[in-house]
Amino acid sequence: MLLGVVAGAFFFYHPDCGSPGQPNVSNHYTTLIDYQSSLRNFDAYNYTFTRTQQNFNFDNVTFTTLAFSDPSKPHVIGLNCGTDPSIPGQMIVGITSTNGSFPAQTVTLQFNSPPLASDQGSFTSNANPIAGVVWHLGDPYVVLLVSAS
């Protein structure tokens, strides 16, 4: 009971701590990617996920955050509101075909620099279409990708 009162008081005085905000689409484009030693065109969206159970759909593929952690954003640490930019963020994204062209799959992606020093990416195992999530060093968003048929 006392813990509930303390937690309620903390959030009353720190209402923005851990408030994830809204997801955001910032750009749509086509990009050429060397995927497994073969150049392929991908439809791409720059997208900012902010919590779990957010989804975005394009080209008959849905991307849904199943797990999401971004220590660089304000969150409760003990009794304080703080950040921990020394730990990379991580998300698990469910990728499903809305037209049945491939089975549902999950991919895991780390992001944030520092501490990461290189681009990160993860793709589905199916051949057509290929879907994936990529984070480029220094970007505040991930890139959602679906290969062109």
Protein backbone atom coordinates (compact mmCIF):
# COMPACT_ATOMS: atom_id res chain seq x y z
CA MET A 1 0.00 0.00 0.00
CA LEU A 2 2.73 2.44 1.03
CA LEU A 3 4.66 1.61 -2.16
CA GLY A 4 1.61 2.50 -4.24
CA VAL A 5 1.28 5.86 -2.50
CA VAL A 6 4.99 6.61 -3.02
CA ALA A 7 4.84 5.59 -6.69
CA GLY A 8 1.70 7.67 -7.23
CA ALA A 9 3.31 10.69 -5.59
CA PHE A 10 6.45 10.24 -7.69
CA PHE A 11 4.49 10.23 -10.94
CA PHE A 12 2.43 13.20 -9.77
CA TYR A 13 5.63 15.22 -9.34
CA HIS A 14 7.40 13.72 -12.40
CA PRO A 15 4.57 13.42 -14.97
CA ASP A 16 6.91 13.45 -18.01
CA CYS A 17 9.28 10.78 -16.72
CA GLY A 18 8.89 7.81 -18.98
CA SER A 19 6.17 9.39 -21.12
CA PRO A 20 6.95 7.73 -24.45
CA GLY A 21 5.30 10.16 -26.85
CA GLN A 22 3.79 9.25 -30.19
CA PRO A 23 5.33 7.21 -33.01
CA ASN A 24 6.43 9.24 -36.00
CA VAL A 25 6.96 8.73 -39.74
CA SER A 26 9.53 11.17 -41.10
CA ASN A 27 10.25 10.06 -44.67
CA HIS A 28 9.22 7.59 -47.41
CA TYR A 29 11.61 6.60 -50.22
CA THR A 30 13.04 3.75 -52.30
CA THR A 31 16.59 2.59 -51.65
CA LEU A 32 18.99 0.13 -53.26
CA ILE A 33 20.52 -2.32 -50.77
CA ASP A 34 23.21 -4.95 -51.22
CA TYR A 35 21.32 -7.80 -49.58
CA GLN A 36 23.29 -11.06 -49.37
CA SER A 37 25.54 -10.01 -52.30
CA SER A 38 22.63 -9.04 -54.53
CA LEU A 39 21.41 -5.49 -55.19
CA ARG A 40 17.70 -5.15 -54.41
CA ASN A 41 15.28 -2.24 -54.32
CA PHE A 42 13.49 -1.68 -51.03
CA ASP A 43 10.55 0.53 -50.17
CA ALA A 44 11.57 2.37 -46.99
CA TYR A 45 10.04 4.47 -44.22
CA ASN A 46 11.95 6.31 -41.49
CA TYR A 47 9.94 5.52 -38.38
CA THR A 48 10.24 6.29 -34.67
CA PHE A 49 8.70 3.72 -32.34
CA THR A 50 8.25 4.88 -28.74
CA ARG A 51 6.80 1.85 -26.91
CA THR A 52 5.37 -1.65 -27.37
CA GLN A 53 2.31 -2.53 -29.44
CA GLN A 54 2.80 0.24 -31.99
CA ASN A 55 2.39 -0.85 -35.58
CA PHE A 56 2.95 0.47 -39.07
CA ASN A 57 1.73 -1.15 -42.28
CA PHE A 58 2.92 -0.71 -45.87
CA ASP A 59 3.35 -2.92 -48.95
CA ASN A 60 1.21 -5.68 -47.35
CA VAL A 61 3.58 -5.97 -44.37
CA THR A 62 2.87 -4.94 -40.76
CA PHE A 63 5.65 -4.06 -38.31
CA THR A 64 4.65 -4.21 -34.61
CA THR A 65 6.85 -3.51 -31.59
CA LEU A 66 6.60 -6.51 -29.26
CA ALA A 67 9.27 -5.27 -26.84
CA PHE A 68 10.85 -1.83 -26.61
CA SER A 69 13.49 -0.30 -24.34
CA ASP A 70 15.27 3.03 -24.88
CA PRO A 71 17.43 3.87 -21.85
CA SER A 72 18.45 7.18 -23.49
CA LYS A 73 14.91 8.50 -22.87
CA PRO A 74 13.77 9.68 -19.42
CA HIS A 75 12.60 6.84 -17.21
CA VAL A 76 12.37 6.04 -13.50
CA ILE A 77 15.72 5.02 -11.96
CA GLY A 78 15.24 4.32 -8.27
CA LEU A 79 13.29 7.36 -7.05
CA ASN A 80 14.63 9.69 -9.72
CA CYS A 81 13.87 10.45 -13.32
CA GLY A 82 16.96 9.92 -15.46
CA THR A 83 18.54 8.49 -18.58
CA ASP A 84 21.27 5.94 -19.21
CA PRO A 85 22.82 6.64 -22.62
CA SER A 86 25.61 4.10 -21.97
CA ILE A 87 23.19 1.22 -22.62
CA PRO A 88 21.91 0.62 -26.17
CA GLY A 89 18.20 0.61 -26.85
CA GLN A 90 16.62 -2.62 -28.03
CA MET A 91 13.41 -3.55 -29.76
CA ILE A 92 11.78 -6.77 -30.86
CA VAL A 93 9.59 -6.23 -33.90
CA GLY A 94 6.96 -8.64 -35.15
CA ILE A 95 6.74 -8.67 -38.95
CA THR A 96 3.65 -10.14 -40.57
CA SER A 97 2.38 -10.37 -44.11
CA THR A 98 -1.15 -9.03 -44.49
CA ASN A 99 -1.69 -11.11 -47.63
CA GLY A 100 -0.17 -14.41 -46.44
CA SER A 101 2.99 -14.28 -48.56
CA PHE A 102 5.21 -15.31 -45.60
CA PRO A 103 4.75 -16.56 -42.01
CA ALA A 104 4.91 -14.14 -39.08
CA GLN A 105 8.45 -13.58 -37.81
CA THR A 106 10.27 -11.53 -35.20
CA VAL A 107 13.50 -9.57 -35.52
CA THR A 108 15.61 -7.97 -32.81
CA LEU A 109 17.44 -4.68 -33.22
CA GLN A 110 19.74 -2.62 -31.01
CA PHE A 111 20.05 1.14 -31.51
CA ASN A 112 21.52 4.40 -30.07
CA SER A 113 24.99 5.86 -30.29
CA PRO A 114 26.94 5.84 -28.18
CA PRO A 115 27.41 3.06 -27.12
CA LEU A 116 26.90 1.40 -30.53
CA ALA A 117 29.54 2.26 -33.12
CA SER A 118 28.03 0.81 -36.31
CA ASP A 119 24.77 0.42 -38.21
CA GLN A 120 22.45 -2.37 -37.06
CA GLY A 121 19.91 -4.39 -39.05
CA SER A 122 17.75 -7.47 -38.97
CA PHE A 123 15.70 -9.05 -41.76
CA THR A 124 13.10 -11.77 -42.20
CA SER A 125 14.22 -15.15 -43.51
CA ASN A 126 11.77 -15.34 -46.44
CA ALA A 127 12.80 -14.53 -50.02
CA ASN A 128 9.93 -12.51 -51.45
CA PRO A 129 9.26 -10.06 -50.12
CA ILE A 130 12.12 -9.49 -47.68
CA ALA A 131 11.23 -7.22 -44.76
CA GLY A 132 13.55 -5.73 -42.19
CA VAL A 133 14.41 -3.05 -39.68
CA VAL A 134 17.67 -1.06 -39.86
CA TRP A 135 19.17 1.61 -37.62
CA HIS A 136 21.89 3.87 -39.04
CA LEU A 137 24.52 5.26 -36.69
CA GLY A 138 23.38 8.58 -35.24
CA ASP A 139 19.81 8.50 -36.57
CA PRO A 140 16.91 9.15 -34.16
CA TYR A 141 14.69 6.66 -36.05
CA VAL A 142 14.79 3.18 -37.57
CA VAL A 143 14.22 2.36 -41.23
CA LEU A 144 11.41 -0.10 -42.01
CA LEU A 145 12.10 -1.93 -45.27
CA VAL A 146 10.14 -4.14 -47.68
CA SER A 147 11.75 -5.41 -50.87
CA ALA A 148 10.15 -4.54 -54.17
CA SER A 149 8.66 -7.48 -56.06
